[in-house]
């Protein structure tokens, strides 16, 4: 029998973050984050929001629901030309 590490996360399995992300105020940022999440879902990542049985939903809508409910954590890149405060 081959040795398999069952404690390591298996590919395609994902858990929701322990803490939820703050609501996104900018609709442009919301669209960017949701679009990146939809791309991940199209590549086969497991959704963090349960899908309703028998109700077909586009992955884009599912991604928007995940972002709206705070399941998707994101980081913003530093703004060029702006100094960091110490």
N, C-alpha and C. Protein backbone atom coordinates (compact mmCIF):
# COMPACT_ATOMS: atom_id res chain seq x y z
N UNK A 1 0.84 -1.17 0.00
CA UNK A 1 0.00 0.00 0.00
C UNK A 1 0.89 1.24 0.00
N UNK A 2 0.68 2.19 -0.92
CA UNK A 2 1.51 3.39 -0.98
C UNK A 2 1.19 4.33 0.18
N UNK A 3 2.22 5.06 0.60
CA UNK A 3 2.02 6.04 1.67
C UNK A 3 1.38 7.29 1.09
N UNK A 4 0.26 7.69 1.68
CA UNK A 4 -0.46 8.88 1.24
C UNK A 4 -0.65 9.77 2.45
N UNK A 5 -0.27 11.03 2.31
CA UNK A 5 -0.44 12.00 3.39
C UNK A 5 -1.85 12.58 3.30
N UNK A 6 -2.74 12.14 4.18
CA UNK A 6 -4.12 12.63 4.14
C UNK A 6 -4.29 13.95 4.86
N UNK A 7 -3.26 14.41 5.57
CA UNK A 7 -3.37 15.69 6.26
C UNK A 7 -3.12 16.87 5.33
N UNK A 8 -2.41 16.64 4.24
CA UNK A 8 -2.14 17.71 3.28
C UNK A 8 -3.40 17.98 2.47
N UNK A 9 -3.67 19.23 2.12
CA UNK A 9 -4.86 19.52 1.32
C UNK A 9 -4.75 18.88 -0.06
N UNK A 10 -5.82 18.27 -0.49
CA UNK A 10 -5.85 17.61 -1.78
C UNK A 10 -6.18 18.64 -2.85
N UNK A 11 -5.67 18.46 -4.08
CA UNK A 11 -5.99 19.40 -5.15
C UNK A 11 -7.49 19.43 -5.41
N UNK A 12 -8.02 20.63 -5.61
CA UNK A 12 -9.44 20.76 -5.89
C UNK A 12 -10.30 20.92 -4.66
N UNK A 13 -9.72 20.77 -3.47
CA UNK A 13 -10.49 20.97 -2.24
C UNK A 13 -10.08 22.30 -1.65
N UNK A 14 -11.07 23.04 -1.22
CA UNK A 14 -10.80 24.36 -0.67
C UNK A 14 -11.74 24.60 0.49
N UNK A 15 -11.26 25.28 1.51
CA UNK A 15 -12.12 25.62 2.63
C UNK A 15 -12.28 27.12 2.69
N UNK A 16 -13.36 27.54 3.31
CA UNK A 16 -13.62 28.97 3.46
C UNK A 16 -12.62 29.55 4.45
N UNK A 17 -12.24 30.81 4.28
CA UNK A 17 -11.29 31.42 5.21
C UNK A 17 -11.90 31.53 6.60
N UNK A 18 -11.04 31.49 7.63
CA UNK A 18 -11.52 31.59 9.00
C UNK A 18 -12.16 32.94 9.27
N UNK A 19 -11.59 34.00 8.68
CA UNK A 19 -12.17 35.33 8.84
C UNK A 19 -12.69 35.80 7.49
N UNK A 20 -13.75 36.56 7.52
CA UNK A 20 -14.35 37.04 6.28
C UNK A 20 -13.73 38.36 5.87
N UNK A 21 -13.73 38.61 4.58
CA UNK A 21 -13.19 39.86 4.04
C UNK A 21 -14.17 40.99 4.31
N UNK A 22 -13.64 42.19 4.39
CA UNK A 22 -14.48 43.37 4.57
C UNK A 22 -15.28 43.61 3.29
N UNK A 23 -16.47 44.19 3.41
CA UNK A 23 -17.25 44.48 2.19
C UNK A 23 -16.49 45.41 1.26
N UNK A 24 -16.65 45.19 -0.03
CA UNK A 24 -15.98 46.01 -1.04
C UNK A 24 -16.88 47.19 -1.39
N UNK A 25 -16.36 48.40 -1.21
CA UNK A 25 -17.13 49.60 -1.49
C UNK A 25 -17.06 50.01 -2.96
N UNK A 26 -15.94 49.74 -3.60
CA UNK A 26 -15.75 50.13 -4.99
C UNK A 26 -16.33 49.07 -5.92
N UNK A 27 -17.23 49.47 -6.79
CA UNK A 27 -17.82 48.48 -7.71
C UNK A 27 -16.79 47.98 -8.72
N UNK A 28 -15.78 48.79 -9.02
CA UNK A 28 -14.74 48.37 -9.95
C UNK A 28 -13.87 47.28 -9.32
N UNK A 29 -13.52 47.46 -8.06
CA UNK A 29 -12.76 46.43 -7.34
C UNK A 29 -13.59 45.16 -7.20
N UNK A 30 -14.89 45.31 -6.92
CA UNK A 30 -15.78 44.16 -6.80
C UNK A 30 -15.78 43.34 -8.09
N UNK A 31 -15.89 44.02 -9.23
CA UNK A 31 -15.91 43.33 -10.52
C UNK A 31 -14.58 42.64 -10.78
N UNK A 32 -13.47 43.29 -10.46
CA UNK A 32 -12.15 42.68 -10.67
C UNK A 32 -11.98 41.42 -9.82
N UNK A 33 -12.34 41.49 -8.55
CA UNK A 33 -12.19 40.34 -7.65
C UNK A 33 -13.11 39.21 -8.09
N UNK A 34 -14.36 39.53 -8.43
CA UNK A 34 -15.31 38.51 -8.87
C UNK A 34 -14.87 37.86 -10.19
N UNK A 35 -14.31 38.64 -11.10
CA UNK A 35 -13.85 38.09 -12.38
C UNK A 35 -12.68 37.13 -12.18
N UNK A 36 -11.77 37.49 -11.29
CA UNK A 36 -10.65 36.58 -11.01
C UNK A 36 -11.15 35.30 -10.34
N UNK A 37 -12.13 35.42 -9.45
CA UNK A 37 -12.68 34.22 -8.80
C UNK A 37 -13.43 33.36 -9.82
N UNK A 38 -14.17 33.97 -10.75
CA UNK A 38 -14.87 33.21 -11.78
C UNK A 38 -13.89 32.43 -12.64
N UNK A 39 -12.75 33.04 -12.92
CA UNK A 39 -11.71 32.35 -13.69
C UNK A 39 -11.21 31.12 -12.93
N UNK A 40 -11.03 31.26 -11.61
CA UNK A 40 -10.63 30.12 -10.79
C UNK A 40 -11.69 29.03 -10.81
N UNK A 41 -12.96 29.41 -10.72
CA UNK A 41 -14.05 28.43 -10.74
C UNK A 41 -14.10 27.70 -12.08
N UNK A 42 -13.86 28.41 -13.18
CA UNK A 42 -13.85 27.76 -14.50
C UNK A 42 -12.72 26.75 -14.61
N UNK A 43 -11.64 26.97 -13.87
CA UNK A 43 -10.51 26.04 -13.90
C UNK A 43 -10.72 24.84 -12.99
N UNK A 44 -11.84 24.81 -12.26
CA UNK A 44 -12.17 23.62 -11.48
C UNK A 44 -12.06 23.74 -9.98
N UNK A 45 -11.87 24.94 -9.45
CA UNK A 45 -11.79 25.12 -8.00
C UNK A 45 -13.17 24.89 -7.40
N UNK A 46 -13.22 24.30 -6.22
CA UNK A 46 -14.48 24.01 -5.54
C UNK A 46 -15.09 25.31 -5.02
N UNK A 47 -16.39 25.56 -5.29
CA UNK A 47 -17.03 26.78 -4.80
C UNK A 47 -17.11 26.79 -3.27
N UNK A 48 -17.05 27.98 -2.69
CA UNK A 48 -17.14 28.14 -1.24
C UNK A 48 -18.57 28.36 -0.79
N UNK A 49 -19.46 28.70 -1.71
CA UNK A 49 -20.88 28.86 -1.41
C UNK A 49 -21.58 27.62 -1.93
N UNK A 50 -22.44 27.00 -1.13
CA UNK A 50 -23.11 25.78 -1.62
C UNK A 50 -24.02 26.08 -2.80
N UNK A 51 -23.98 25.20 -3.79
CA UNK A 51 -24.83 25.35 -4.97
C UNK A 51 -26.16 24.66 -4.70
N UNK A 52 -27.24 25.28 -5.15
CA UNK A 52 -28.57 24.70 -4.98
C UNK A 52 -28.75 23.59 -6.01
N UNK A 53 -29.29 22.46 -5.56
CA UNK A 53 -29.48 21.32 -6.45
C UNK A 53 -30.57 21.63 -7.48
N UNK A 54 -30.29 21.32 -8.72
CA UNK A 54 -31.26 21.49 -9.79
C UNK A 54 -31.39 22.90 -10.32
N UNK A 55 -30.64 23.84 -9.77
CA UNK A 55 -30.71 25.23 -10.23
C UNK A 55 -29.40 25.57 -10.92
N UNK A 56 -29.41 25.65 -12.26
CA UNK A 56 -28.16 26.00 -12.95
C UNK A 56 -27.82 27.47 -12.72
N UNK A 57 -26.57 27.73 -12.40
CA UNK A 57 -26.11 29.09 -12.18
C UNK A 57 -24.81 29.28 -12.91
N UNK A 58 -24.65 30.45 -13.47
CA UNK A 58 -23.39 30.78 -14.12
C UNK A 58 -22.31 30.93 -13.06
N UNK A 59 -21.10 30.58 -13.43
CA UNK A 59 -19.99 30.68 -12.48
C UNK A 59 -19.71 32.13 -12.10
N UNK A 60 -20.02 33.06 -12.99
CA UNK A 60 -19.82 34.48 -12.68
C UNK A 60 -20.73 34.91 -11.53
N UNK A 61 -21.99 34.44 -11.54
CA UNK A 61 -22.92 34.76 -10.45
C UNK A 61 -22.47 34.13 -9.15
N UNK A 62 -22.00 32.90 -9.23
CA UNK A 62 -21.50 32.21 -8.05
C UNK A 62 -20.30 32.96 -7.47
N UNK A 63 -19.41 33.43 -8.33
CA UNK A 63 -18.24 34.20 -7.88
C UNK A 63 -18.67 35.50 -7.22
N UNK A 64 -19.67 36.18 -7.79
CA UNK A 64 -20.15 37.43 -7.18
C UNK A 64 -20.76 37.17 -5.81
N UNK A 65 -21.49 36.06 -5.66
CA UNK A 65 -22.06 35.72 -4.35
C UNK A 65 -20.96 35.45 -3.33
N UNK A 66 -19.90 34.75 -3.75
CA UNK A 66 -18.79 34.47 -2.83
C UNK A 66 -18.11 35.76 -2.38
N UNK A 67 -17.90 36.68 -3.31
CA UNK A 67 -17.26 37.96 -2.97
C UNK A 67 -18.18 38.78 -2.07
N UNK A 68 -19.45 38.84 -2.41
CA UNK A 68 -20.42 39.63 -1.65
C UNK A 68 -20.54 39.12 -0.20
N UNK A 69 -20.45 37.80 -0.01
CA UNK A 69 -20.58 37.22 1.33
C UNK A 69 -19.26 37.23 2.10
N UNK A 70 -18.18 37.68 1.47
CA UNK A 70 -16.90 37.83 2.16
C UNK A 70 -16.06 36.57 2.22
N UNK A 71 -16.35 35.58 1.38
CA UNK A 71 -15.58 34.34 1.38
C UNK A 71 -14.25 34.48 0.64
N UNK A 72 -14.10 35.52 -0.17
CA UNK A 72 -12.90 35.68 -0.99
C UNK A 72 -12.03 36.78 -0.39
N UNK A 73 -10.83 36.40 0.03
CA UNK A 73 -9.87 37.37 0.55
C UNK A 73 -9.03 37.89 -0.62
N UNK A 74 -8.70 39.15 -0.59
CA UNK A 74 -7.94 39.76 -1.68
C UNK A 74 -6.94 40.75 -1.10
N UNK A 75 -5.91 41.06 -1.87
CA UNK A 75 -4.94 42.07 -1.48
C UNK A 75 -4.81 43.06 -2.63
N UNK A 76 -4.55 44.30 -2.28
CA UNK A 76 -4.36 45.33 -3.29
C UNK A 76 -2.87 45.57 -3.49
N UNK A 77 -2.43 45.72 -4.73
CA UNK A 77 -1.01 46.02 -4.96
C UNK A 77 -0.71 47.44 -4.52
N UNK A 78 0.55 47.72 -4.17
CA UNK A 78 0.89 49.09 -3.78
C UNK A 78 0.72 50.05 -4.96
N UNK A 79 0.31 51.26 -4.65
CA UNK A 79 0.11 52.28 -5.68
C UNK A 79 1.48 52.86 -6.03
N UNK A 80 1.88 52.85 -7.31
CA UNK A 80 3.18 53.40 -7.68
C UNK A 80 3.23 54.91 -7.42
N UNK A 81 4.35 55.36 -6.91
CA UNK A 81 4.54 56.77 -6.66
C UNK A 81 4.06 57.23 -5.29
N UNK A 82 3.40 56.37 -4.55
CA UNK A 82 2.92 56.74 -3.23
C UNK A 82 3.86 56.16 -2.18
N UNK A 83 4.28 57.01 -1.26
CA UNK A 83 5.20 56.56 -0.21
C UNK A 83 4.44 55.79 0.85
N UNK A 84 5.11 54.79 1.39
CA UNK A 84 4.52 54.07 2.52
C UNK A 84 4.72 54.88 3.78
N UNK A 85 3.72 54.88 4.62
CA UNK A 85 3.84 55.56 5.90
C UNK A 85 4.48 54.62 6.90
N UNK A 86 5.39 55.15 7.70
CA UNK A 86 6.08 54.32 8.68
C UNK A 86 5.39 54.34 10.00
